[in-house]
Amino acid sequence: MAIPTNLITGFLGVGKTTAVIDLLTRKPPGSRWAVLVNEYGEVSIDGALIEGSSPDGVSVREVGGGCVCCASAPYLPVALHFLLLDAKPERLIIETTGLGHPARLLDTLRQDYAGRLDLRATLGIVDPADFARPEMKTNPVFVDQVQLADVVVMNKLDTATPELVSDFQAWADGLFPPKLLIAGTTHGRLDPAWLDLTADDERLPLYPEAHGHHEHPSPHRATEEPIALPSPTGKGDVGSGSPARYESPPGVRPACGWVFSPADVFDEDRLLALLHTAPGVTRLKGVFRLADEWVAVNRAGANLTVSPTAYRRDSRLEVFADVPNWSAFEQGLLGCLTPSRPVK
């Protein structure tokens, strides 16, 4: 059986290690958990803290001297192999370095450990002091960590003003794609139930850009209508299905959204040609897995912009159109799919 696996990410000093230690103290009695800690420096500190504070049934291993997303990547398979072999865990927690871009790590886990690891929610922790700095919104590491996270949590709420918390909630509610959950906490205390949130728990908006706003620190859901993650649709996939599709209700501005499996891979040239030339489209935004990377796309009128993204949960698109033919548009999207290939 695949091992439930979670990434805990966040900038330096946000409280990742404290959060991991707290989770370990509240694991089910008798269960076996393992923690893989990525240290940026050569001397292990976080791993020692976790190991020294952990209850019985927890195994800890470190990958030091860099980031598993880049410099230390060759050491990841070795550390992970022996951790899984020795500990035989029922859950794996990976704490990434605060200086890391964790998207490639998630790609590696999906590619090389399919069937062995069951990737659940990635939790991204934010410090109020970091969020209060305007320059952080454009910091590449901070942006990547937030984009990748399925659950975004503001830690150290006791140090944040009500105005800052309100600003955080409004900012987080406006993120695209929407998060599975947005919450706040103190002392790194995370709800263990958050670890098992998956794309099946997400709700598409009633129609694109209609995300709701909730009082902090309650979980954020866009609507009450559930939507399950679709199976892969790429040509040649076993058990291929159709993307999840959600149309706006009658009487509102015509819009439609699609969600594809993260296993689906899109041909870049065909996809961008479709999105750029589709007639009648007034606005669209989406994220897609291409052969070598994931990208975010945004079109307003005839202007289409494309940029890399660390988002990894699924491929999705939301479209506004004057005179829509959603079935034809969906067929165009399906025509942009290629046989699934590993992300390099």
C-alpha atoms as a PDB file:
ATOM      1  CA  MET A   1       0.000   0.000   0.000  1.00  0.00           C
ATOM      2  CA  ALA A   2       1.288   3.470  -0.895  1.00  0.00           C
ATOM      3  CA  ILE A   3       2.506   5.527   2.054  1.00  0.00           C
ATOM      4  CA  PRO A   4       0.617   8.800   2.724  1.00  0.00           C
ATOM      5  CA  THR A   5       3.214  11.536   2.195  1.00  0.00           C
ATOM      6  CA  ASN A   6       3.171  15.264   2.959  1.00  0.00           C
ATOM      7  CA  LEU A   7       5.555  18.120   2.273  1.00  0.00           C
ATOM      8  CA  ILE A   8       5.858  20.870   4.892  1.00  0.00           C
ATOM      9  CA  THR A   9       7.280  23.978   3.270  1.00  0.00           C
ATOM     10  CA  GLY A  10       7.779  27.618   4.123  1.00  0.00           C
ATOM     11  CA  PHE A  11      10.374  30.368   4.300  1.00  0.00           C
ATOM     12  CA  LEU A  12      13.212  30.456   6.825  1.00  0.00           C
ATOM     13  CA  GLY A  13      12.026  30.812  10.413  1.00  0.00           C
ATOM     14  CA  VAL A  14       8.302  30.294   9.826  1.00  0.00           C
ATOM     15  CA  GLY A  15       8.101  27.414  12.307  1.00  0.00           C
ATOM     16  CA  LYS A  16       8.250  24.311  10.101  1.00  0.00           C
ATOM     17  CA  THR A  17      10.251  22.245  12.590  1.00  0.00           C
ATOM     18  CA  THR A  18       7.986  23.250  15.469  1.00  0.00           C
ATOM     19  CA  ALA A  19       4.973  22.248  13.357  1.00  0.00           C
ATOM     20  CA  VAL A  20       6.483  18.853  12.494  1.00  0.00           C
ATOM     21  CA  ILE A  21       7.328  18.146  16.155  1.00  0.00           C
ATOM     22  CA  ASP A  22       3.783  19.052  17.206  1.00  0.00           C
ATOM     23  CA  LEU A  23       2.284  16.776  14.538  1.00  0.00           C
ATOM     24  CA  LEU A  24       4.462  13.894  15.703  1.00  0.00           C
ATOM     25  CA  THR A  25       3.318  14.254  19.308  1.00  0.00           C
ATOM     26  CA  ARG A  26      -0.292  13.871  18.127  1.00  0.00           C
ATOM     27  CA  LYS A  27       0.129  10.943  15.761  1.00  0.00           C
ATOM     28  CA  PRO A  28      -2.123   7.920  16.440  1.00  0.00           C
ATOM     29  CA  PRO A  29      -0.668   5.760  19.237  1.00  0.00           C
ATOM     30  CA  GLY A  30       1.259   2.806  17.911  1.00  0.00           C
ATOM     31  CA  SER A  31       1.518   4.153  14.355  1.00  0.00           C
ATOM     32  CA  ARG A  32       4.886   4.373  12.582  1.00  0.00           C
ATOM     33  CA  TRP A  33       5.820   7.740  11.055  1.00  0.00           C
ATOM     34  CA  ALA A  34       8.988   8.825   9.282  1.00  0.00           C
ATOM     35  CA  VAL A  35      10.416  12.297   8.741  1.00  0.00           C
ATOM     36  CA  LEU A  36      12.878  13.330   6.032  1.00  0.00           C
ATOM     37  CA  VAL A  37      14.502  16.662   6.901  1.00  0.00           C
ATOM     38  CA  ASN A  38      16.348  18.756   4.328  1.00  0.00           C
ATOM     39  CA  GLU A  39      19.018  20.913   5.994  1.00  0.00           C
ATOM     40  CA  TYR A  40      20.644  23.676   3.959  1.00  0.00           C
ATOM     41  CA  GLY A  41      23.772  23.669   6.092  1.00  0.00           C
ATOM     42  CA  GLU A  42      26.211  20.848   6.702  1.00  0.00           C
ATOM     43  CA  VAL A  43      25.399  20.558  10.427  1.00  0.00           C
ATOM     44  CA  SER A  44      22.049  18.942  11.218  1.00  0.00           C
ATOM     45  CA  ILE A  45      19.963  20.984  13.658  1.00  0.00           C
ATOM     46  CA  ASP A  46      16.310  20.466  12.677  1.00  0.00           C
ATOM     47  CA  GLY A  47      16.736  16.703  12.391  1.00  0.00           C
ATOM     48  CA  ALA A  48      18.266  16.540  15.868  1.00  0.00           C
ATOM     49  CA  LEU A  49      15.467  18.667  17.322  1.00  0.00           C
ATOM     50  CA  ILE A  50      12.787  16.481  15.743  1.00  0.00           C
ATOM     51  CA  GLU A  51      14.446  13.232  16.762  1.00  0.00           C
ATOM     52  CA  GLY A  52      14.965  14.431  20.326  1.00  0.00           C
ATOM     53  CA  SER A  53      11.332  15.496  20.700  1.00  0.00           C
ATOM     54  CA  SER A  54       9.620  12.619  18.925  1.00  0.00           C
ATOM     55  CA  PRO A  55       7.558   9.901  20.585  1.00  0.00           C
ATOM     56  CA  ASP A  56       8.101   6.214  19.948  1.00  0.00           C
ATOM     57  CA  GLY A  57       7.386   5.016  16.439  1.00  0.00           C
ATOM     58  CA  VAL A  58       9.100   7.909  14.622  1.00  0.00           C
ATOM     59  CA  SER A  59      12.186   7.573  12.390  1.00  0.00           C
ATOM     60  CA  VAL A  60      14.131  10.639  11.234  1.00  0.00           C
ATOM     61  CA  ARG A  61      16.675  10.990   8.451  1.00  0.00           C
ATOM     62  CA  GLU A  62      18.409  14.121   7.105  1.00  0.00           C
ATOM     63  CA  VAL A  63      19.611  15.252   3.703  1.00  0.00           C
ATOM     64  CA  GLY A  64      22.099  18.046   4.412  1.00  0.00           C
ATOM     65  CA  GLY A  65      24.421  20.353   2.564  1.00  0.00           C
ATOM     66  CA  GLY A  66      21.930  21.957   0.204  1.00  0.00           C
ATOM     67  CA  CYS A  67      18.417  21.676  -1.161  1.00  0.00           C
ATOM     68  CA  VAL A  68      16.884  18.370  -2.278  1.00  0.00           C
ATOM     69  CA  CYS A  69      15.353  20.332  -5.139  1.00  0.00           C
ATOM     70  CA  CYS A  70      18.791  21.072  -6.594  1.00  0.00           C
ATOM     71  CA  ALA A  71      22.255  20.633  -5.033  1.00  0.00           C
ATOM     72  CA  SER A  72      21.445  17.665  -2.803  1.00  0.00           C
ATOM     73  CA  ALA A  73      19.112  15.930  -5.248  1.00  0.00           C
ATOM     74  CA  PRO A  74      21.465  12.953  -5.842  1.00  0.00           C
ATOM     75  CA  TYR A  75      21.336  12.141  -2.137  1.00  0.00           C
ATOM     76  CA  LEU A  76      17.539  12.139  -1.924  1.00  0.00           C
ATOM     77  CA  PRO A  77      16.955   8.652  -3.392  1.00  0.00           C
ATOM     78  CA  VAL A  78      19.550   7.127  -1.059  1.00  0.00           C
ATOM     79  CA  ALA A  79      18.162   8.776   2.072  1.00  0.00           C
ATOM     80  CA  LEU A  80      14.585   8.024   1.109  1.00  0.00           C
ATOM     81  CA  HIS A  81      15.352   4.404   0.198  1.00  0.00           C
ATOM     82  CA  PHE A  82      16.916   3.594   3.547  1.00  0.00           C
ATOM     83  CA  LEU A  83      14.283   5.542   5.477  1.00  0.00           C
ATOM     84  CA  LEU A  84      11.455   3.587   3.858  1.00  0.00           C
ATOM     85  CA  LEU A  85      13.359   0.314   4.147  1.00  0.00           C
ATOM     86  CA  ASP A  86      14.323   0.698   7.805  1.00  0.00           C
ATOM     87  CA  ALA A  87      11.266   2.472   9.201  1.00  0.00           C
ATOM     88  CA  LYS A  88       8.479   0.916   7.096  1.00  0.00           C
ATOM     89  CA  PRO A  89       6.401   3.994   7.938  1.00  0.00           C
ATOM     90  CA  GLU A  90       2.659   4.395   7.769  1.00  0.00           C
ATOM     91  CA  ARG A  91       3.142   8.101   6.997  1.00  0.00           C
ATOM     92  CA  LEU A  92       6.060  10.140   5.631  1.00  0.00           C
ATOM     93  CA  ILE A  93       6.608  13.831   6.392  1.00  0.00           C
ATOM     94  CA  ILE A  94       9.185  15.756   4.348  1.00  0.00           C
ATOM     95  CA  GLU A  95      10.352  19.098   5.745  1.00  0.00           C
ATOM     96  CA  THR A  96      11.932  21.149   2.976  1.00  0.00           C
ATOM     97  CA  THR A  97      14.643  23.734   3.493  1.00  0.00           C
ATOM     98  CA  GLY A  98      13.412  27.304   3.849  1.00  0.00           C
ATOM     99  CA  LEU A  99      15.545  28.306   0.860  1.00  0.00           C
ATOM    100  CA  GLY A 100      14.240  25.627  -1.479  1.00  0.00           C
ATOM    101  CA  HIS A 101      12.039  25.625  -4.574  1.00  0.00           C
ATOM    102  CA  PRO A 102      10.113  22.427  -3.754  1.00  0.00           C
ATOM    103  CA  ALA A 103       8.282  21.916  -7.051  1.00  0.00           C
ATOM    104  CA  ARG A 104      10.979  19.700  -8.586  1.00  0.00           C
ATOM    105  CA  LEU A 105      11.012  17.611  -5.424  1.00  0.00           C
ATOM    106  CA  LEU A 106       7.314  16.926  -5.871  1.00  0.00           C
ATOM    107  CA  ASP A 107       7.945  16.054  -9.534  1.00  0.00           C
ATOM    108  CA  THR A 108      10.632  13.571  -8.480  1.00  0.00           C
ATOM    109  CA  LEU A 109       8.384  11.925  -5.899  1.00  0.00           C
ATOM    110  CA  ARG A 110       5.562  11.546  -8.427  1.00  0.00           C
ATOM    111  CA  GLN A 111       7.862  10.240 -11.131  1.00  0.00           C
ATOM    112  CA  ASP A 112      10.156   7.906  -9.208  1.00  0.00           C
ATOM    113  CA  TYR A 113       7.934   6.759  -6.357  1.00  0.00           C
ATOM    114  CA  ALA A 114       4.580   6.241  -8.057  1.00  0.00           C
ATOM    115  CA  GLY A 115       2.835   3.371  -6.328  1.00  0.00           C
ATOM    116  CA  ARG A 116       5.059   3.656  -3.252  1.00  0.00           C
ATOM    117  CA  LEU A 117       4.117   7.135  -2.031  1.00  0.00           C
ATOM    118  CA  ASP A 118       0.597   8.557  -1.876  1.00  0.00           C
ATOM    119  CA  LEU A 119       1.151  12.310  -2.124  1.00  0.00           C
ATOM    120  CA  ARG A 120      -1.338  14.137   0.041  1.00  0.00           C
ATOM    121  CA  ALA A 121      -1.634  17.851   0.835  1.00  0.00           C
ATOM    122  CA  THR A 122       1.459  20.061   0.776  1.00  0.00           C
ATOM    123  CA  LEU A 123       1.303  22.499   3.691  1.00  0.00           C
ATOM    124  CA  GLY A 124       2.847  25.942   3.255  1.00  0.00           C
ATOM    125  CA  ILE A 125       3.497  27.967   6.415  1.00  0.00           C
ATOM    126  CA  VAL A 126       3.694  31.765   6.338  1.00  0.00           C
ATOM    127  CA  ASP A 127       5.141  34.064   9.025  1.00  0.00           C
ATOM    128  CA  PRO A 128       3.236  37.351   9.603  1.00  0.00           C
ATOM    129  CA  ALA A 129       6.535  39.230   9.661  1.00  0.00           C
ATOM    130  CA  ASP A 130       7.381  37.910   6.198  1.00  0.00           C
ATOM    131  CA  PHE A 131       3.925  38.623   4.817  1.00  0.00           C
ATOM    132  CA  ALA A 132       4.128  42.202   6.110  1.00  0.00           C
ATOM    133  CA  ARG A 133       7.170  42.873   3.903  1.00  0.00           C
ATOM    134  CA  PRO A 134       5.976  43.998   0.440  1.00  0.00           C
ATOM    135  CA  GLU A 135       9.084  42.651  -1.276  1.00  0.00           C
ATOM    136  CA  MET A 136       8.223  39.107  -0.171  1.00  0.00           C
ATOM    137  CA  LYS A 137       5.303  38.981  -2.627  1.00  0.00           C
ATOM    138  CA  THR A 138       7.861  38.909  -5.448  1.00  0.00           C
ATOM    139  CA  ASN A 139      10.529  36.783  -3.744  1.00  0.00           C
ATOM    140  CA  PRO A 140      10.926  33.737  -6.040  1.00  0.00           C
ATOM    141  CA  VAL A 141      11.279  31.248  -3.187  1.00  0.00           C
ATOM    142  CA  PHE A 142       8.276  32.621  -1.299  1.00  0.00           C
ATOM    143  CA  VAL A 143       6.174  32.679  -4.477  1.00  0.00           C
ATOM    144  CA  ASP A 144       7.099  29.083  -5.359  1.00  0.00           C
ATOM    145  CA  GLN A 145       6.305  27.826  -1.869  1.00  0.00           C
ATOM    146  CA  VAL A 146       2.891  29.487  -1.848  1.00  0.00           C
ATOM    147  CA  GLN A 147       2.046  28.344  -5.368  1.00  0.00           C
ATOM    148  CA  LEU A 148       2.933  24.752  -4.509  1.00  0.00           C
ATOM    149  CA  ALA A 149       1.036  24.610  -1.225  1.00  0.00           C
ATOM    150  CA  ASP A 150      -2.412  23.025  -1.127  1.00  0.00           C
ATOM    151  CA  VAL A 151      -2.935  24.335   2.404  1.00  0.00           C
ATOM    152  CA  VAL A 152      -1.671  27.808   3.344  1.00  0.00           C
ATOM    153  CA  VAL A 153      -1.342  28.540   7.058  1.00  0.00           C
ATOM    154  CA  MET A 154      -0.368  31.786   8.761  1.00  0.00           C
ATOM    155  CA  ASN A 155       1.602  30.792  11.845  1.00  0.00           C
ATOM    156  CA  LYS A 156       2.343  33.031  14.873  1.00  0.00           C
ATOM    157  CA  LEU A 157      -1.075  34.682  14.799  1.00  0.00           C
ATOM    158  CA  ASP A 158      -0.380  36.073  18.262  1.00  0.00           C
ATOM    159  CA  THR A 159       2.226  38.367  16.659  1.00  0.00           C
ATOM    160  CA  ALA A 160      -0.053  39.631  13.857  1.00  0.00           C
ATOM    161  CA  THR A 161      -2.361  42.632  13.960  1.00  0.00           C
ATOM    162  CA  PRO A 162      -6.037  42.158  12.987  1.00  0.00           C
ATOM    163  CA  GLU A 163      -5.380  44.282   9.902  1.00  0.00           C
ATOM    164  CA  LEU A 164      -2.514  42.043   8.795  1.00  0.00           C
ATOM    165  CA  VAL A 165      -4.621  38.916   9.314  1.00  0.00           C
ATOM    166  CA  SER A 166      -7.402  40.467   7.241  1.00  0.00           C
ATOM    167  CA  ASP A 167      -4.935  41.363   4.483  1.00  0.00           C
ATOM    168  CA  PHE A 168      -3.579  37.799   4.519  1.00  0.00           C
ATOM    169  CA  GLN A 169      -7.076  36.323   4.247  1.00  0.00           C
ATOM    170  CA  ALA A 170      -7.983  38.577   1.325  1.00  0.00           C
ATOM    171  CA  TRP A 171      -4.673  37.843  -0.442  1.00  0.00           C
ATOM    172  CA  ALA A 172      -4.951  34.101   0.084  1.00  0.00           C
ATOM    173  CA  ASP A 173      -8.597  34.031  -1.042  1.00  0.00           C
ATOM    174  CA  GLY A 174      -7.510  35.665  -4.292  1.00  0.00           C
ATOM    175  CA  LEU A 175      -4.857  33.077  -5.162  1.00  0.00           C
ATOM    176  CA  PHE A 176      -5.378  31.088  -8.351  1.00  0.00           C
ATOM    177  CA  PRO A 177      -5.794  28.185  -8.369  1.00  0.00           C
ATOM    178  CA  PRO A 178      -7.675  28.305  -5.066  1.00  0.00           C
ATOM    179  CA  LYS A 179      -6.219  26.478  -2.090  1.00  0.00           C
ATOM    180  CA  LEU A 180      -7.794  23.442  -0.478  1.00  0.00           C
ATOM    181  CA  LEU A 181      -7.703  25.289   2.821  1.00  0.00           C
ATOM    182  CA  ILE A 182      -6.577  28.626   4.244  1.00  0.00           C
ATOM    183  CA  ALA A 183      -6.131  28.872   8.001  1.00  0.00           C
ATOM    184  CA  GLY A 184      -4.136  30.370  10.832  1.00  0.00           C
ATOM    185  CA  THR A 185      -2.507  29.026  13.970  1.00  0.00           C
ATOM    186  CA  THR A 186      -0.011  29.723  16.748  1.00  0.00           C
ATOM    187  CA  HIS A 187       3.075  27.800  17.899  1.00  0.00           C
ATOM    188  CA  GLY A 188       3.065  25.754  14.687  1.00  0.00           C
ATOM    189  CA  ARG A 189      -0.015  23.759  15.700  1.00  0.00           C
ATOM    190  CA  LEU A 190      -1.463  22.120  12.581  1.00  0.00           C
ATOM    191  CA  ASP A 191      -4.625  20.035  12.486  1.00  0.00           C
ATOM    192  CA  PRO A 192      -3.591  16.464  11.542  1.00  0.00           C
ATOM    193  CA  ALA A 193      -6.751  16.234   9.412  1.00  0.00           C
ATOM    194  CA  TRP A 194      -5.192  18.789   7.051  1.00  0.00           C
ATOM    195  CA  LEU A 195      -2.583  16.220   6.042  1.00  0.00           C
ATOM    196  CA  ASP A 196      -5.182  14.102   4.269  1.00  0.00           C
ATOM    197  CA  LEU A 197      -6.871  16.822   2.251  1.00  0.00           C
ATOM    198  CA  THR A 198      -6.711  15.976  -1.444  1.00  0.00           C
ATOM    199  CA  ALA A 199      -8.001  17.431  -4.683  1.00  0.00           C
ATOM    200  CA  ASP A 200     -11.187  15.444  -4.064  1.00  0.00           C
ATOM    201  CA  ASP A 201     -11.917  17.847  -1.216  1.00  0.00           C
ATOM    202  CA  GLU A 202     -11.734  20.943  -3.381  1.00  0.00           C
ATOM    203  CA  ARG A 203     -14.727  22.830  -4.666  1.00  0.00           C
ATOM    204  CA  LEU A 204     -14.668  24.669  -7.966  1.00  0.00           C
ATOM    205  CA  PRO A 205     -16.134  28.167  -7.762  1.00  0.00           C
ATOM    206  CA  LEU A 206     -19.774  28.634  -8.707  1.00  0.00           C
ATOM    207  CA  TYR A 207     -18.295  30.177 -11.808  1.00  0.00           C
ATOM    208  CA  PRO A 208     -14.762  31.412 -12.488  1.00  0.00           C
ATOM    209  CA  GLU A 209     -13.390  34.100 -10.181  1.00  0.00           C
ATOM    210  CA  ALA A 210     -16.330  33.753  -7.785  1.00  0.00           C
ATOM    211  CA  HIS A 211     -14.307  32.532  -4.825  1.00  0.00           C
ATOM    212  CA  GLY A 212     -15.903  33.067  -1.455  1.00  0.00           C
ATOM    213  CA  HIS A 213     -14.401  34.791   1.583  1.00  0.00           C
ATOM    214  CA  HIS A 214     -14.629  33.304   5.061  1.00  0.00           C
ATOM    215  CA  GLU A 215     -13.839  34.523   8.521  1.00  0.00           C
ATOM    216  CA  HIS A 216     -10.310  33.694   9.636  1.00  0.00           C
ATOM    217  CA  PRO A 217      -9.174  31.098  10.644  1.00  0.00           C
ATOM    218  CA  SER A 218     -11.895  28.832   9.240  1.00  0.00           C
ATOM    219  CA  PRO A 219     -11.068  26.550   6.308  1.00  0.00           C
ATOM    220  CA  HIS A 220     -11.566  28.118   2.906  1.00  0.00           C
ATOM    221  CA  ARG A 221     -13.784  26.329   0.406  1.00  0.00           C
ATOM    222  CA  ALA A 222     -15.023  27.996  -2.743  1.00  0.00           C
ATOM    223  CA  THR A 223     -18.514  26.465  -2.895  1.00  0.00           C
ATOM    224  CA  GLU A 224     -20.599  23.619  -1.572  1.00  0.00           C
ATOM    225  CA  GLU A 225     -20.424  21.537  -4.766  1.00  0.00           C
ATOM    226  CA  PRO A 226     -17.796  18.773  -4.558  1.00  0.00           C
ATOM    227  CA  ILE A 227     -15.634  17.831  -7.509  1.00  0.00           C
ATOM    228  CA  ALA A 228     -13.478  14.738  -7.759  1.00  0.00           C
ATOM    229  CA  LEU A 229     -10.043  14.742  -9.372  1.00  0.00           C
ATOM    230  CA  PRO A 230     -10.403  13.298 -12.869  1.00  0.00           C
ATOM    231  CA  SER A 231      -8.408  10.329 -14.071  1.00  0.00           C
ATOM    232  CA  PRO A 232      -5.628  10.902 -16.622  1.00  0.00           C
ATOM    233  CA  THR A 233      -6.924  11.631 -20.097  1.00  0.00           C
ATOM    234  CA  GLY A 234      -3.673  11.716 -22.065  1.00  0.00           C
ATOM    235  CA  LYS A 235      -3.506   9.479 -25.110  1.00  0.00           C
ATOM    236  CA  GLY A 236      -2.133   6.086 -24.186  1.00  0.00           C
ATOM    237  CA  ASP A 237      -3.043   6.325 -20.496  1.00  0.00           C
ATOM    238  CA  VAL A 238      -4.664   3.262 -18.981  1.00  0.00           C
ATOM    239  CA  GLY A 239      -8.164   3.908 -17.676  1.00  0.00           C
ATOM    240  CA  SER A 240      -8.386   7.328 -19.310  1.00  0.00           C
ATOM    241  CA  GLY A 241     -11.463   9.431 -18.612  1.00  0.00           C
ATOM    242  CA  SER A 242     -12.646  12.989 -19.098  1.00  0.00           C
ATOM    243  CA  PRO A 243     -11.681  16.206 -17.355  1.00  0.00           C
ATOM    244  CA  ALA A 244     -13.998  17.542 -14.697  1.00  0.00           C
ATOM    245  CA  ARG A 245     -16.089  20.365 -16.184  1.00  0.00           C
ATOM    246  CA  TYR A 246     -18.140  23.037 -14.468  1.00  0.00           C
ATOM    247  CA  GLU A 247     -20.275  25.588 -16.293  1.00  0.00           C
ATOM    248  CA  SER A 248     -21.723  28.793 -14.929  1.00  0.00           C
ATOM    249  CA  PRO A 249     -25.440  28.619 -14.098  1.00  0.00           C
ATOM    250  CA  PRO A 250     -28.045  30.288 -16.352  1.00  0.00           C
ATOM    251  CA  GLY A 251     -28.459  34.020 -15.974  1.00  0.00           C
ATOM    252  CA  VAL A 252     -24.838  34.874 -15.205  1.00  0.00           C
ATOM    253  CA  ARG A 253     -21.885  35.720 -17.395  1.00  0.00           C
ATOM    254  CA  PRO A 254     -21.060  32.639 -19.560  1.00  0.00           C
ATOM    255  CA  ALA A 255     -18.041  30.864 -18.134  1.00  0.00           C
ATOM    256  CA  CYS A 256     -16.669  27.354 -17.810  1.00  0.00           C
ATOM    257  CA  GLY A 257     -13.898  25.602 -15.895  1.00  0.00           C
ATOM    258  CA  TRP A 258     -12.008  22.358 -16.527  1.00  0.00           C
ATOM    259  CA  VAL A 259      -9.760  20.305 -14.233  1.00  0.00           C
ATOM    260  CA  PHE A 260      -7.369  17.664 -15.597  1.00  0.00           C
ATOM    261  CA  SER A 261      -5.385  15.014 -13.755  1.00  0.00           C
ATOM    262  CA  PRO A 262      -1.788  15.972 -12.836  1.00  0.00           C
ATOM    263  CA  ALA A 263      -0.735  12.975 -14.964  1.00  0.00           C
ATOM    264  CA  ASP A 264      -1.990  14.689 -18.121  1.00  0.00           C
ATOM    265  CA  VAL A 265       0.686  16.399 -20.219  1.00  0.00           C
ATOM    266  CA  PHE A 266      -0.100  19.133 -22.751  1.00  0.00           C
ATOM    267  CA  ASP A 267       1.728  19.934 -25.971  1.00  0.00           C
ATOM    268  CA  GLU A 268       2.947  23.499 -25.525  1.00  0.00           C
ATOM    269  CA  ASP A 269       2.604  24.695 -29.131  1.00  0.00           C
ATOM    270  CA  ARG A 270      -0.880  23.287 -29.656  1.00  0.00           C
ATOM    271  CA  LEU A 271      -2.110  24.485 -26.270  1.00  0.00           C
ATOM    272  CA  LEU A 272      -0.870  28.070 -26.595  1.00  0.00           C
ATOM    273  CA  ALA A 273      -2.219  28.299 -30.137  1.00  0.00           C
ATOM    274  CA  LEU A 274      -5.659  27.221 -28.909  1.00  0.00           C
ATOM    275  CA  LEU A 275      -5.694  29.574 -25.944  1.00  0.00           C
ATOM    276  CA  HIS A 276      -4.432  32.515 -27.979  1.00  0.00           C
ATOM    277  CA  THR A 277      -6.740  32.140 -30.987  1.00  0.00           C
ATOM    278  CA  ALA A 278      -9.954  30.717 -29.485  1.00  0.00           C
ATOM    279  CA  PRO A 279     -12.719  33.034 -30.784  1.00  0.00           C
ATOM    280  CA  GLY A 280     -15.074  34.847 -28.471  1.00  0.00           C
ATOM    281  CA  VAL A 281     -12.883  34.486 -25.382  1.00  0.00           C
ATOM    282  CA  THR A 282     -12.764  37.649 -23.292  1.00  0.00           C
ATOM    283  CA  ARG A 283     -10.838  36.281 -20.319  1.00  0.00           C
ATOM    284  CA  LEU A 284      -9.093  33.059 -19.322  1.00  0.00           C
ATOM    285  CA  LYS A 285      -6.612  31.859 -16.768  1.00  0.00           C
ATOM    286  CA  GLY A 286      -5.164  28.445 -16.057  1.00  0.00           C
ATOM    287  CA  VAL A 287      -2.245  26.251 -15.094  1.00  0.00           C
ATOM    288  CA  PHE A 288      -0.958  23.369 -17.222  1.00  0.00           C
ATOM    289  CA  ARG A 289       1.595  20.606 -17.057  1.00  0.00           C
ATOM    290  CA  LEU A 290       3.815  20.654 -20.143  1.00  0.00           C
ATOM    291  CA  ALA A 291       6.506  18.138 -21.085  1.00  0.00           C
ATOM    292  CA  ASP A 292       9.297  19.910 -19.186  1.00  0.00           C
ATOM    293  CA  GLU A 293       7.568  22.306 -16.800  1.00  0.00           C
ATOM    294  CA  TRP A 294       4.304  23.659 -15.431  1.00  0.00           C
ATOM    295  CA  VAL A 295       3.069  27.067 -16.582  1.00  0.00           C
ATOM    296  CA  ALA A 296       0.434  29.611 -15.658  1.00  0.00           C
ATOM    297  CA  VAL A 297      -1.466  31.267 -18.509  1.00  0.00           C
ATOM    298  CA  ASN A 298      -3.521  34.427 -18.481  1.00  0.00           C
ATOM    299  CA  ARG A 299      -5.441  35.994 -21.347  1.00  0.00           C
ATOM    300  CA  ALA A 300      -7.286  39.312 -21.293  1.00  0.00           C
ATOM    301  CA  GLY A 301      -8.753  40.151 -24.692  1.00  0.00           C
ATOM    302  CA  ALA A 302      -6.144  39.175 -27.269  1.00  0.00           C
ATOM    303  CA  ASN A 303      -3.157  39.456 -24.894  1.00  0.00           C
ATOM    304  CA  LEU A 304      -1.857  36.077 -23.640  1.00  0.00           C
ATOM    305  CA  THR A 305       0.895  35.818 -21.015  1.00  0.00           C
ATOM    306  CA  VAL A 306       2.710  32.636 -19.955  1.00  0.00           C
ATOM    307  CA  SER A 307       4.941  32.172 -16.910  1.00  0.00           C
ATOM    308  CA  PRO A 308       6.442  29.234 -14.956  1.00  0.00           C
ATOM    309  CA  THR A 309       4.567  28.110 -11.846  1.00  0.00           C
ATOM    310  CA  ALA A 310       5.323  25.829  -8.909  1.00  0.00           C
ATOM    311  CA  TYR A 311       1.684  24.690  -8.744  1.00  0.00           C
ATOM    312  CA  ARG A 312       1.472  20.911  -9.098  1.00  0.00           C
ATOM    313  CA  ARG A 313      -1.966  19.718  -7.958  1.00  0.00           C
ATOM    314  CA  ASP A 314      -3.661  19.462 -11.376  1.00  0.00           C
ATOM    315  CA  SER A 315      -4.015  21.205 -14.736  1.00  0.00           C
ATOM    316  CA  ARG A 316      -7.002  23.548 -14.918  1.00  0.00           C
ATOM    317  CA  LEU A 317      -8.550  26.336 -16.924  1.00  0.00           C
ATOM    318  CA  GLU A 318     -11.288  28.925 -16.380  1.00  0.00           C
ATOM    319  CA  VAL A 319     -12.724  30.722 -19.419  1.00  0.00           C
ATOM    320  CA  PHE A 320     -15.145  33.581 -20.062  1.00  0.00           C
ATOM    321  CA  ALA A 321     -16.588  33.843 -23.578  1.00  0.00           C
ATOM    322  CA  ASP A 322     -19.220  35.969 -25.338  1.00  0.00           C
ATOM    323  CA  VAL A 323     -20.812  33.175 -27.393  1.00  0.00           C
ATOM    324  CA  PRO A 324     -19.449  29.982 -25.887  1.00  0.00           C
ATOM    325  CA  ASN A 325     -19.296  26.534 -27.402  1.00  0.00           C
ATOM    326  CA  TRP A 326     -17.899  24.685 -24.419  1.00  0.00           C
ATOM    327  CA  SER A 327     -18.013  21.225 -26.003  1.00  0.00           C
ATOM    328  CA  ALA A 328     -15.941  22.402 -28.957  1.00  0.00           C
ATOM    329  CA  PHE A 329     -13.487  24.144 -26.619  1.00  0.00           C
ATOM    330  CA  GLU A 330     -13.151  20.964 -24.573  1.00  0.00           C
ATOM    331  CA  GLN A 331     -12.416  18.948 -27.693  1.00  0.00           C
ATOM    332  CA  GLY A 332      -9.712  21.466 -28.523  1.00  0.00           C
ATOM    333  CA  LEU A 333      -8.164  20.979 -25.084  1.00  0.00           C
ATOM    334  CA  LEU A 334      -8.245  17.208 -25.449  1.00  0.00           C
ATOM    335  CA  GLY A 335      -6.489  17.601 -28.787  1.00  0.00           C
ATOM    336  CA  CYS A 336      -3.591  19.311 -27.003  1.00  0.00           C
ATOM    337  CA  LEU A 337      -2.848  16.304 -24.787  1.00  0.00           C
ATOM    338  CA  THR A 338       0.180  14.104 -25.370  1.00  0.00           C
ATOM    339  CA  PRO A 339       1.076  10.679 -23.960  1.00  0.00           C
ATOM    340  CA  SER A 340       2.095  11.217 -20.341  1.00  0.00           C
ATOM    341  CA  ARG A 341       5.830  11.623 -19.929  1.00  0.00           C
ATOM    342  CA  PRO A 342       7.941  12.213 -16.835  1.00  0.00           C
ATOM    343  CA  VAL A 343       8.748  15.829 -16.012  1.00  0.00           C
ATOM    344  CA  LYS A 344      12.518  16.230 -16.330  1.00  0.00           C
END
